[in-house]
Amino acid sequence: MTVATPAVPGRLALLRRPARSGGLGAASGLGLGVSLLWFSLLVLIPLAAVVSTATGGGWSTFERALGNEQTSAAIRLTVSQAALVTLVNIVMGTMIAWVLVRDHFFGKRLLELVIDIPFALPTVVAGLVLLSLYGPNSPLGLHWANTPRSVFLAFLFVTLPFVVRTVQPVLAELDLEVEEAAASLGASRFTTFRRVTLPSLVPAIAAGAALSFARGVSEYGSLVLLSGNLPGKTEVSSVRILSSIENDNLPSAAAVATILLFISFVVIVALDLIQRKVASRG
């Protein structure tokens, strides 16, 4: 004799529940609206105001800004040093993340804390630290203050954690069995890293690189003491923007800020395209 299994109300409710149509519910719609409003108030509206101020006088505002040799030199120095620092961080940041995830050694926890110091340290204090190491009384014998090298050092210091902290959690979640399987099939360590590990890390590396570049382009505090802000030599774009504001030339300051915004946007899009291409090949 077959005994009928009693129906479970909860299970029947799940079976009868219609599939979602893909639209937002009331709670999701409210959350999306609040998020967009908050993002607009903090980011979109201020950026639109800056761009509007820069373009209010037409392209002549940008021509005057770029035609100023001091401003052009500041933009070139800022972008070139930020790009160079980003390349260094891609390599060194990935290496540091690899060591922290794959290796176990004495002092590892201390190193984990030290890496986050640039996040917590005020940028002016960072400039003082760098000045004490690379200034006129440098215990290392490296007198790099008031030189273009000081800009590179300041950018490198404040952007160090970005690639490390974006790559580290992704690397920690990777399945080691996949790498071991590739090695068992005869792949070398380099081939395994290039074909198996790297494609999984590329999105995180690209995200960290974008953050690193954007942080470098916008840096100001750590350069005040170290670089000397020498026009045409160590003066960066953020200092030029402040100088324009102090001289009551807001359109010029907005023009330089818009140019930096455009450059950062192009770099972020380029990094996204590169990571997509590399990931698809992997």
Protein backbone atom coordinates (compact mmCIF):
# COMPACT_ATOMS: atom_id res chain seq x y z
CA MET A 1 0.00 0.00 0.00
CA THR A 2 1.40 3.36 -1.07
CA VAL A 3 1.32 6.12 1.50
CA ALA A 4 0.88 9.62 0.10
CA THR A 5 3.50 12.09 1.17
CA PRO A 6 1.94 15.12 2.80
CA ALA A 7 2.46 18.33 0.92
CA VAL A 8 4.82 20.86 2.38
CA PRO A 9 3.25 24.32 2.25
CA GLY A 10 6.57 26.11 1.99
CA ARG A 11 7.76 23.90 -0.84
CA LEU A 12 4.50 24.33 -2.76
CA ALA A 13 4.76 28.08 -2.34
CA LEU A 14 8.25 28.02 -3.82
CA LEU A 15 7.09 25.87 -6.72
CA ARG A 16 4.12 28.07 -7.47
CA ARG A 17 6.01 31.36 -7.12
CA PRO A 18 6.21 33.00 -10.54
CA ALA A 19 9.59 33.69 -12.01
CA ARG A 20 10.88 37.22 -11.73
CA SER A 21 10.32 39.30 -14.82
CA GLY A 22 13.59 41.18 -14.36
CA GLY A 23 11.99 44.42 -13.18
CA LEU A 24 12.83 46.15 -9.95
CA GLY A 25 10.60 45.74 -6.95
CA ALA A 26 9.48 48.61 -4.77
CA ALA A 27 12.34 48.15 -2.29
CA SER A 28 14.96 47.72 -5.02
CA GLY A 29 13.65 50.74 -6.89
CA LEU A 30 13.78 52.87 -3.76
CA GLY A 31 17.31 51.71 -3.04
CA LEU A 32 18.41 52.46 -6.60
CA GLY A 33 16.85 55.91 -6.46
CA VAL A 34 18.50 56.78 -3.16
CA SER A 35 21.87 55.48 -4.45
CA LEU A 36 21.67 57.51 -7.66
CA LEU A 37 20.60 60.63 -5.75
CA TRP A 38 23.47 60.26 -3.27
CA PHE A 39 25.97 59.59 -6.07
CA SER A 40 24.68 62.57 -8.03
CA LEU A 41 24.97 64.94 -5.06
CA LEU A 42 28.51 63.82 -4.23
CA VAL A 43 29.99 63.17 -7.68
CA LEU A 44 27.93 63.90 -10.78
CA ILE A 45 26.63 67.38 -9.94
CA PRO A 46 30.01 68.74 -8.69
CA LEU A 47 31.77 67.31 -11.76
CA ALA A 48 29.13 68.81 -14.03
CA ALA A 49 29.61 72.17 -12.32
CA VAL A 50 33.38 72.05 -12.92
CA VAL A 51 32.97 71.10 -16.57
CA SER A 52 30.32 73.77 -17.03
CA THR A 53 32.63 76.42 -15.58
CA ALA A 54 35.45 75.31 -17.87
CA THR A 55 33.33 75.25 -21.03
CA GLY A 56 31.38 78.42 -20.21
CA GLY A 57 33.88 80.54 -22.12
CA GLY A 58 34.22 78.11 -25.01
CA TRP A 59 37.34 76.32 -26.20
CA SER A 60 39.35 79.48 -25.72
CA THR A 61 39.50 78.71 -22.00
CA PHE A 62 41.27 75.42 -22.71
CA GLU A 63 43.51 77.06 -25.30
CA ARG A 64 44.64 79.67 -22.82
CA ALA A 65 45.24 77.03 -20.15
CA LEU A 66 47.24 74.76 -22.44
CA GLY A 67 48.97 77.73 -24.04
CA ASN A 68 50.45 78.65 -20.69
CA GLU A 69 53.83 76.93 -20.61
CA GLN A 70 53.78 76.65 -16.82
CA THR A 71 50.40 74.92 -16.87
CA SER A 72 51.40 72.61 -19.74
CA ALA A 73 54.58 71.61 -17.93
CA ALA A 74 52.60 70.86 -14.78
CA ILE A 75 50.14 68.65 -16.67
CA ARG A 76 52.93 66.80 -18.50
CA LEU A 77 54.82 66.18 -15.26
CA THR A 78 51.71 65.02 -13.41
CA VAL A 79 50.48 62.62 -16.09
CA SER A 80 53.90 61.19 -16.94
CA GLN A 81 54.87 60.54 -13.32
CA ALA A 82 51.43 59.10 -12.48
CA ALA A 83 51.69 56.75 -15.48
CA LEU A 84 55.21 55.67 -14.52
CA VAL A 85 54.19 55.06 -10.92
CA THR A 86 51.19 53.04 -12.09
CA LEU A 87 53.43 50.76 -14.15
CA VAL A 88 55.72 50.25 -11.15
CA ASN A 89 52.75 49.52 -8.90
CA ILE A 90 51.36 46.94 -11.32
CA VAL A 91 54.55 44.91 -11.06
CA MET A 92 55.54 45.52 -7.44
CA GLY A 93 51.98 45.52 -6.10
CA THR A 94 51.24 42.16 -7.71
CA MET A 95 54.51 40.74 -6.35
CA ILE A 96 53.77 41.97 -2.83
CA ALA A 97 50.24 40.56 -2.97
CA TRP A 98 51.64 37.22 -4.16
CA VAL A 99 54.12 37.09 -1.27
CA LEU A 100 51.46 37.97 1.29
CA VAL A 101 49.06 35.30 0.02
CA ARG A 102 51.33 32.42 -1.02
CA ASP A 103 54.22 32.71 1.45
CA HIS A 104 54.39 32.42 5.22
CA PHE A 105 57.20 34.16 7.06
CA PHE A 106 58.02 35.93 10.29
CA GLY A 107 56.71 39.49 10.36
CA LYS A 108 53.97 38.90 7.79
CA ARG A 109 51.26 40.47 9.97
CA LEU A 110 53.45 43.51 10.56
CA LEU A 111 53.97 43.91 6.81
CA GLU A 112 50.20 43.71 6.31
CA LEU A 113 49.80 46.67 8.65
CA VAL A 114 52.65 48.69 7.17
CA ILE A 115 51.21 48.47 3.67
CA ASP A 116 48.07 50.32 4.81
CA ILE A 117 50.00 53.22 6.36
CA PRO A 118 49.68 55.44 3.23
CA PHE A 119 45.90 55.07 3.58
CA ALA A 120 45.86 56.31 7.17
CA LEU A 121 48.73 58.79 7.14
CA PRO A 122 47.87 62.44 6.34
CA THR A 123 49.50 63.41 3.07
CA VAL A 124 51.37 66.34 4.61
CA VAL A 125 52.88 63.96 7.17
CA ALA A 126 53.82 61.66 4.29
CA GLY A 127 55.65 64.58 2.70
CA LEU A 128 57.49 65.23 5.96
CA VAL A 129 58.50 61.56 6.18
CA LEU A 130 59.79 61.56 2.61
CA LEU A 131 61.59 64.86 3.17
CA SER A 132 63.39 63.44 6.19
CA LEU A 133 64.61 60.51 4.08
CA TYR A 134 65.32 62.20 0.75
CA GLY A 135 65.82 65.85 1.72
CA PRO A 136 68.98 67.88 2.32
CA ASN A 137 69.80 65.99 5.53
CA SER A 138 68.99 62.57 4.11
CA PRO A 139 70.47 59.69 6.13
CA LEU A 140 70.51 57.73 2.87
CA GLY A 141 72.61 60.31 1.07
CA LEU A 142 69.89 60.82 -1.56
CA HIS A 143 69.14 64.52 -1.98
CA TRP A 144 66.05 64.27 -4.20
CA ALA A 145 64.00 67.11 -2.74
CA ASN A 146 62.96 69.84 -5.18
CA THR A 147 63.63 67.57 -8.17
CA PRO A 148 61.28 65.64 -10.49
CA ARG A 149 62.26 62.51 -8.57
CA SER A 150 60.47 63.92 -5.54
CA VAL A 151 57.19 63.87 -7.49
CA PHE A 152 57.77 60.22 -8.40
CA LEU A 153 58.54 59.33 -4.78
CA ALA A 154 55.46 61.10 -3.44
CA PHE A 155 53.19 59.44 -5.99
CA LEU A 156 54.77 56.07 -5.30
CA PHE A 157 54.27 56.40 -1.55
CA VAL A 158 50.59 57.36 -1.60
CA THR A 159 49.60 54.83 -4.30
CA LEU A 160 51.44 51.77 -2.95
CA PRO A 161 48.47 49.96 -1.35
CA PHE A 162 45.99 50.17 -4.23
CA VAL A 163 47.21 47.32 -6.44
CA VAL A 164 48.19 45.21 -3.42
CA ARG A 165 44.77 45.47 -1.79
CA THR A 166 42.83 44.83 -5.00
CA VAL A 167 44.90 41.83 -6.11
CA GLN A 168 45.35 40.18 -2.71
CA PRO A 169 41.74 39.00 -2.06
CA VAL A 170 41.34 37.74 -5.63
CA LEU A 171 44.60 35.81 -5.40
CA ALA A 172 43.55 34.33 -2.07
CA GLU A 173 40.34 32.97 -3.62
CA LEU A 174 42.04 31.25 -6.57
CA ASP A 175 41.87 27.48 -6.61
CA LEU A 176 45.37 26.04 -6.31
CA GLU A 177 44.20 22.74 -7.78
CA VAL A 178 43.87 24.38 -11.20
CA GLU A 179 47.50 25.50 -11.10
CA GLU A 180 48.56 22.06 -9.88
CA ALA A 181 46.64 20.45 -12.73
CA ALA A 182 48.40 22.69 -15.25
CA ALA A 183 51.77 21.79 -13.72
CA SER A 184 50.93 18.07 -13.85
CA LEU A 185 50.25 18.43 -17.60
CA GLY A 186 53.77 19.75 -18.12
CA ALA A 187 53.24 23.51 -17.97
CA SER A 188 56.10 25.51 -16.54
CA ARG A 189 55.57 27.91 -13.66
CA PHE A 190 55.69 30.88 -15.99
CA THR A 191 53.22 29.30 -18.40
CA THR A 192 50.90 28.40 -15.55
CA PHE A 193 51.03 31.95 -14.25
CA ARG A 194 50.51 33.47 -17.70
CA ARG A 195 47.71 31.18 -18.90
CA VAL A 196 45.96 30.21 -15.65
CA THR A 197 46.63 32.70 -12.85
CA LEU A 198 47.11 36.00 -14.67
CA PRO A 199 43.75 36.06 -16.52
CA SER A 200 42.01 35.79 -13.17
CA LEU A 201 44.12 38.58 -11.69
CA VAL A 202 43.94 41.01 -14.60
CA PRO A 203 40.58 42.60 -13.61
CA ALA A 204 41.89 43.26 -10.09
CA ILE A 205 45.22 44.54 -11.41
CA ALA A 206 43.42 46.87 -13.82
CA ALA A 207 41.18 48.18 -11.04
CA GLY A 208 44.17 48.82 -8.78
CA ALA A 209 46.06 50.49 -11.64
CA ALA A 210 43.13 52.81 -12.33
CA LEU A 211 42.93 53.78 -8.66
CA SER A 212 46.69 54.27 -8.54
CA PHE A 213 46.73 56.55 -11.58
CA ALA A 214 43.76 58.60 -10.40
CA ARG A 215 45.29 58.98 -6.93
CA GLY A 216 48.62 60.10 -8.37
CA VAL A 217 47.06 62.66 -10.69
CA SER A 218 45.15 64.23 -7.81
CA GLU A 219 47.96 64.24 -5.23
CA TYR A 220 48.84 67.50 -3.53
CA GLY A 221 49.61 67.26 0.19
CA SER A 222 52.72 65.07 0.10
CA LEU A 223 54.31 67.32 -2.54
CA VAL A 224 54.07 70.59 -0.62
CA LEU A 225 57.20 69.96 1.43
CA LEU A 226 59.11 67.58 -0.82
CA SER A 227 58.91 68.99 -4.35
CA GLY A 228 59.19 72.70 -3.60
CA ASN A 229 56.53 73.43 -6.26
CA LEU A 230 59.09 74.92 -8.63
CA PRO A 231 57.33 76.23 -11.80
CA GLY A 232 58.24 74.25 -14.89
CA LYS A 233 60.28 71.78 -12.85
CA THR A 234 58.43 70.17 -9.94
CA GLU A 235 55.07 71.94 -9.99
CA VAL A 236 52.13 69.55 -10.51
CA SER A 237 48.62 70.16 -11.80
CA SER A 238 46.96 70.28 -8.39
CA VAL A 239 49.27 73.13 -7.38
CA ARG A 240 48.47 74.98 -10.62
CA ILE A 241 44.75 74.61 -9.91
CA LEU A 242 45.21 76.05 -6.42
CA SER A 243 47.28 78.92 -7.79
CA SER A 244 44.58 79.76 -10.35
CA ILE A 245 41.93 79.78 -7.64
CA GLU A 246 44.05 82.03 -5.41
CA ASN A 247 44.49 84.41 -8.36
CA ASP A 248 40.71 84.49 -8.87
CA ASN A 249 40.99 82.67 -12.21
CA LEU A 250 38.34 80.02 -11.67
CA PRO A 251 37.78 79.19 -15.38
CA SER A 252 41.46 78.32 -15.81
CA ALA A 253 41.39 76.11 -12.70
CA ALA A 254 38.24 74.39 -13.97
CA ALA A 255 39.85 73.89 -17.39
CA VAL A 256 42.90 72.15 -15.90
CA ALA A 257 40.63 70.03 -13.69
CA THR A 258 38.51 69.05 -16.72
CA ILE A 259 41.62 68.08 -18.68
CA LEU A 260 42.79 65.85 -15.83
CA LEU A 261 39.30 64.39 -15.56
CA PHE A 262 39.30 63.55 -19.27
CA ILE A 263 42.77 61.98 -19.10
CA SER A 264 41.79 59.86 -16.10
CA PHE A 265 38.62 58.74 -17.87
CA VAL A 266 40.60 57.69 -20.97
CA VAL A 267 43.09 55.76 -18.84
CA ILE A 268 40.32 53.96 -16.94
CA VAL A 269 38.56 52.98 -20.19
CA ALA A 270 41.85 51.81 -21.71
CA LEU A 271 42.65 49.66 -18.67
CA ASP A 272 39.18 48.16 -18.80
CA LEU A 273 39.59 47.25 -22.49
CA ILE A 274 43.03 45.74 -21.83
CA GLN A 275 41.79 43.58 -18.96
CA ARG A 276 38.85 42.36 -21.05
CA LYS A 277 41.15 41.42 -23.92
CA VAL A 278 43.66 39.63 -21.71
CA ALA A 279 40.93 37.82 -19.79
CA SER A 280 39.27 36.63 -23.01
CA ARG A 281 42.57 35.28 -24.31
CA GLY A 282 43.07 33.43 -21.03
